[in-house]
Amino acid sequence: MHYAFHFNVVWDHWRDLAEGAWLTIQLSALAMTIGLVVATVCAYAKTAGPTLLRRVVTAYIELIRNTPFLVQIFIIYFSLPALGISVGANEAAVAAMVVNFGAYGTEILRAGIESISHGQIDAAKALGLSRLQTFRHVVLFPAMKTVFPALASQFILLMLASSIVSAISAVELTAATNSLVSTTFRPFEFYFVATGLYLTMALGFRALLGGVYWVVFMRRQRS
């Protein structure tokens, strides 16, 4: 069995791949940013909120962590219009990624919060700080430093999982690659290059997050 490799066809369509990769980066970065805010709020609610709110957050986490990401995307993109809420493919992709990361990020941050010494929290209470002030000024920063590597790994997994949003016609890298394969009939070349692009983006995000960790946590500690 012989297969003639023609990577020149990939070069002929490099712009489509580049646009797909750029959309992947945009969707991932936006979902990471909003998802981190959601995770922080939910982690605070689960550790310091009233009982009812804790139960609501726990139910949200269990629902998202125990259902497929693809089904979550379909619910947002296909089911919400039945309720009169129409969203575009890219907006649905970001919403699903935020909801998904929020659940996993909440548990990661919760573990970091629970690692904080109770002595520090008691000291904050003795100084008259409220629960929210204690969380903001005493708990959040050291907790974030402790779990940042885990959050960074979850960020990378989120970026890689963005390939699933091709199922709702969001033209990110996987969707662009599938479209090119269907028109050129060169699956090996395009999927091989797409794999390389995903690897490059994952390593790029990892390096960027490593830089953020050094600037936000390590350099401040040394200064």
Protein backbone atom coordinates (compact mmCIF):
# COMPACT_ATOMS: atom_id res chain seq x y z
CA MET A 1 0.00 0.00 0.00
CA HIS A 2 1.48 3.31 -1.12
CA TYR A 3 0.51 6.81 -0.07
CA ALA A 4 2.03 9.87 -1.73
CA PHE A 5 2.43 12.72 0.74
CA HIS A 6 1.62 16.18 -0.58
CA PHE A 7 2.14 18.73 2.16
CA ASN A 8 2.13 21.49 -0.45
CA VAL A 9 -1.68 21.31 -0.38
CA VAL A 10 -1.54 22.28 3.29
CA TRP A 11 0.52 25.35 2.42
CA ASP A 12 -2.07 26.28 -0.21
CA HIS A 13 -4.68 26.46 2.56
CA TRP A 14 -2.54 27.80 5.39
CA ARG A 15 -4.78 30.85 5.82
CA ASP A 16 -7.81 28.68 6.66
CA LEU A 17 -5.79 26.74 9.23
CA ALA A 18 -4.37 29.94 10.71
CA GLU A 19 -7.85 31.45 11.06
CA GLY A 20 -9.10 28.27 12.71
CA ALA A 21 -6.14 28.23 15.13
CA TRP A 22 -6.65 31.91 15.94
CA LEU A 23 -10.33 31.32 16.71
CA THR A 24 -9.32 28.42 18.97
CA ILE A 25 -6.99 30.75 20.86
CA GLN A 26 -9.66 33.45 21.15
CA LEU A 27 -12.37 31.09 22.38
CA SER A 28 -10.01 29.44 24.86
CA ALA A 29 -8.58 32.67 26.25
CA LEU A 30 -12.02 34.22 26.71
CA ALA A 31 -13.41 31.07 28.32
CA MET A 32 -10.38 30.81 30.61
CA THR A 33 -10.81 34.40 31.81
CA ILE A 34 -14.55 34.24 32.43
CA GLY A 35 -14.34 30.68 33.73
CA LEU A 36 -11.76 31.68 36.34
CA VAL A 37 -14.11 34.40 37.61
CA VAL A 38 -16.97 31.88 37.79
CA ALA A 39 -14.75 29.37 39.60
CA THR A 40 -13.59 32.00 42.12
CA VAL A 41 -17.14 33.10 42.93
CA CYS A 42 -18.35 29.51 43.23
CA ALA A 43 -15.37 28.50 45.38
CA TYR A 44 -16.14 31.36 47.76
CA ALA A 45 -19.81 30.40 47.83
CA LYS A 46 -18.99 26.77 48.54
CA THR A 47 -16.53 27.49 51.35
CA ALA A 48 -18.05 30.57 53.00
CA GLY A 49 -21.58 30.94 51.66
CA PRO A 50 -24.89 29.99 53.29
CA THR A 51 -26.01 26.37 53.27
CA LEU A 52 -28.50 26.75 50.43
CA LEU A 53 -25.93 28.43 48.19
CA ARG A 54 -23.40 25.72 48.97
CA ARG A 55 -25.89 23.08 47.90
CA VAL A 56 -26.64 24.91 44.66
CA VAL A 57 -22.94 25.15 43.82
CA THR A 58 -22.39 21.50 44.71
CA ALA A 59 -25.29 20.49 42.44
CA TYR A 60 -23.80 22.57 39.61
CA ILE A 61 -20.39 20.94 40.03
CA GLU A 62 -21.79 17.42 40.14
CA LEU A 63 -24.01 18.05 37.11
CA ILE A 64 -21.19 19.37 34.94
CA ARG A 65 -18.50 16.93 36.06
CA ASN A 66 -20.73 13.92 35.50
CA THR A 67 -22.14 14.74 32.07
CA PRO A 68 -20.37 14.82 28.68
CA PHE A 69 -19.01 18.15 27.47
CA LEU A 70 -20.56 17.50 24.04
CA VAL A 71 -24.04 17.18 25.57
CA GLN A 72 -23.52 20.43 27.47
CA ILE A 73 -22.68 22.18 24.20
CA PHE A 74 -25.73 20.72 22.48
CA ILE A 75 -28.01 21.88 25.30
CA ILE A 76 -26.76 25.46 25.00
CA TYR A 77 -26.75 25.57 21.20
CA PHE A 78 -29.77 23.45 20.28
CA SER A 79 -32.03 23.42 23.37
CA LEU A 80 -31.95 27.06 24.49
CA PRO A 81 -33.53 28.31 21.23
CA ALA A 82 -36.63 26.29 22.18
CA LEU A 83 -36.91 28.65 25.16
CA GLY A 84 -36.49 31.68 22.93
CA ILE A 85 -32.77 32.11 23.69
CA SER A 86 -30.80 32.00 20.45
CA VAL A 87 -27.00 32.11 20.50
CA GLY A 88 -24.43 31.87 17.75
CA ALA A 89 -22.01 28.99 17.45
CA ASN A 90 -19.05 30.91 18.89
CA GLU A 91 -21.09 32.33 21.77
CA ALA A 92 -22.46 28.87 22.58
CA ALA A 93 -18.94 27.46 22.47
CA VAL A 94 -17.63 30.06 24.93
CA ALA A 95 -20.64 29.62 27.23
CA ALA A 96 -20.20 25.83 27.32
CA MET A 97 -16.47 26.13 27.93
CA VAL A 98 -17.03 28.64 30.75
CA VAL A 99 -19.65 26.46 32.42
CA ASN A 100 -17.43 23.41 32.10
CA PHE A 101 -14.27 25.06 33.38
CA GLY A 102 -16.17 26.80 36.17
CA ALA A 103 -17.14 23.45 37.69
CA TYR A 104 -13.66 21.95 37.55
CA GLY A 105 -11.98 25.21 38.55
CA THR A 106 -14.25 25.54 41.58
CA GLU A 107 -13.06 22.25 42.99
CA ILE A 108 -9.43 23.12 42.31
CA LEU A 109 -9.76 26.48 44.07
CA ARG A 110 -11.70 24.92 46.92
CA ALA A 111 -8.78 22.59 47.58
CA GLY A 112 -6.46 25.59 47.65
CA ILE A 113 -8.73 27.49 50.02
CA GLU A 114 -8.94 24.57 52.41
CA SER A 115 -5.13 24.39 52.48
CA ILE A 116 -4.93 27.82 54.11
CA SER A 117 -4.08 27.75 57.79
CA HIS A 118 -7.04 28.37 60.07
CA GLY A 119 -4.75 30.52 62.19
CA GLN A 120 -4.57 33.10 59.42
CA ILE A 121 -8.34 33.11 59.06
CA ASP A 122 -8.81 33.46 62.82
CA ALA A 123 -6.35 36.35 62.84
CA ALA A 124 -8.35 38.08 60.10
CA LYS A 125 -11.53 37.64 62.11
CA ALA A 126 -9.80 39.06 65.18
CA LEU A 127 -8.93 42.15 63.14
CA GLY A 128 -12.60 42.60 62.33
CA LEU A 129 -12.49 41.59 58.67
CA SER A 130 -15.71 40.30 57.14
CA ARG A 131 -15.89 36.92 55.39
CA LEU A 132 -15.55 38.56 51.99
CA GLN A 133 -12.63 40.74 53.11
CA THR A 134 -10.92 37.72 54.63
CA PHE A 135 -11.40 35.81 51.41
CA ARG A 136 -10.06 38.64 49.25
CA HIS A 137 -7.10 39.74 51.35
CA VAL A 138 -6.05 36.63 53.28
CA VAL A 139 -7.25 33.49 51.51
CA LEU A 140 -7.50 34.00 47.75
CA PHE A 141 -3.92 34.93 46.84
CA PRO A 142 -2.09 32.13 48.70
CA ALA A 143 -4.79 29.65 47.64
CA MET A 144 -4.38 30.68 44.01
CA LYS A 145 -0.61 30.31 44.30
CA THR A 146 -0.97 26.79 45.69
CA VAL A 147 -3.31 25.52 42.97
CA PHE A 148 -2.10 27.59 40.01
CA PRO A 149 -0.25 24.64 38.40
CA ALA A 150 -3.45 22.59 38.56
CA LEU A 151 -5.45 25.49 37.14
CA ALA A 152 -2.90 25.89 34.35
CA SER A 153 -3.27 22.21 33.45
CA GLN A 154 -7.05 22.62 33.42
CA PHE A 155 -6.62 25.63 31.14
CA ILE A 156 -4.67 23.49 28.67
CA LEU A 157 -7.29 20.74 28.81
CA LEU A 158 -9.95 23.35 28.12
CA MET A 159 -8.09 24.58 25.05
CA LEU A 160 -7.73 21.03 23.72
CA ALA A 161 -11.39 20.28 24.49
CA SER A 162 -12.35 23.27 22.33
CA SER A 163 -12.00 20.93 19.36
CA ILE A 164 -15.39 19.48 20.35
CA VAL A 165 -17.16 22.73 19.53
CA SER A 166 -16.65 21.91 15.86
CA ALA A 167 -19.80 19.81 16.34
CA ILE A 168 -21.89 23.01 16.39
CA SER A 169 -20.17 24.60 13.38
CA ALA A 170 -17.84 26.88 15.30
CA VAL A 171 -15.06 27.17 12.73
CA GLU A 172 -12.08 26.65 15.03
CA LEU A 173 -9.05 24.58 14.09
CA THR A 174 -10.69 21.14 14.07
CA ALA A 175 -13.69 22.35 12.06
CA ALA A 176 -11.42 24.11 9.57
CA THR A 177 -9.30 20.96 9.25
CA ASN A 178 -12.33 18.74 8.70
CA SER A 179 -13.61 21.09 6.02
CA LEU A 180 -10.27 21.08 4.20
CA VAL A 181 -10.01 17.29 4.40
CA SER A 182 -13.46 16.91 2.87
CA THR A 183 -12.52 19.10 -0.09
CA THR A 184 -8.90 18.04 -0.70
CA PHE A 185 -9.06 14.38 0.37
CA ARG A 186 -5.68 14.71 2.10
CA PRO A 187 -6.50 13.55 5.67
CA PHE A 188 -3.00 12.61 6.80
CA GLU A 189 -1.41 15.90 5.85
CA PHE A 190 -4.07 18.15 7.37
CA TYR A 191 -4.61 16.18 10.56
CA PHE A 192 -0.84 15.87 11.03
CA VAL A 193 -0.42 19.64 10.73
CA ALA A 194 -3.46 20.27 12.96
CA THR A 195 -1.88 18.05 15.60
CA GLY A 196 1.29 20.12 15.39
CA LEU A 197 -0.70 23.33 15.74
CA TYR A 198 -2.53 22.05 18.82
CA LEU A 199 0.79 21.00 20.33
CA THR A 200 2.26 24.43 19.59
CA MET A 201 -0.74 26.20 21.15
CA ALA A 202 -0.66 23.97 24.23
CA LEU A 203 3.04 24.62 24.77
CA GLY A 204 2.50 28.32 24.12
CA PHE A 205 -0.28 28.53 26.70
CA ARG A 206 1.83 26.58 29.16
CA ALA A 207 4.77 28.97 28.69
CA LEU A 208 2.47 31.99 28.99
CA LEU A 209 0.87 30.68 32.17
CA GLY A 210 4.30 29.86 33.55
CA GLY A 211 5.27 33.48 32.95
CA VAL A 212 2.10 34.68 34.68
CA TYR A 213 2.91 32.49 37.67
CA TRP A 214 6.42 33.91 37.94
CA VAL A 215 5.30 37.53 37.59
CA VAL A 216 2.27 37.35 39.88
CA PHE A 217 3.55 34.98 42.58
CA MET A 218 7.31 34.38 42.50
CA ARG A 219 8.55 37.89 41.71
CA ARG A 220 6.24 39.41 44.31
CA GLN A 221 7.54 36.93 46.86
CA ARG A 222 11.14 37.89 46.14
CA SER A 223 10.50 41.63 46.21
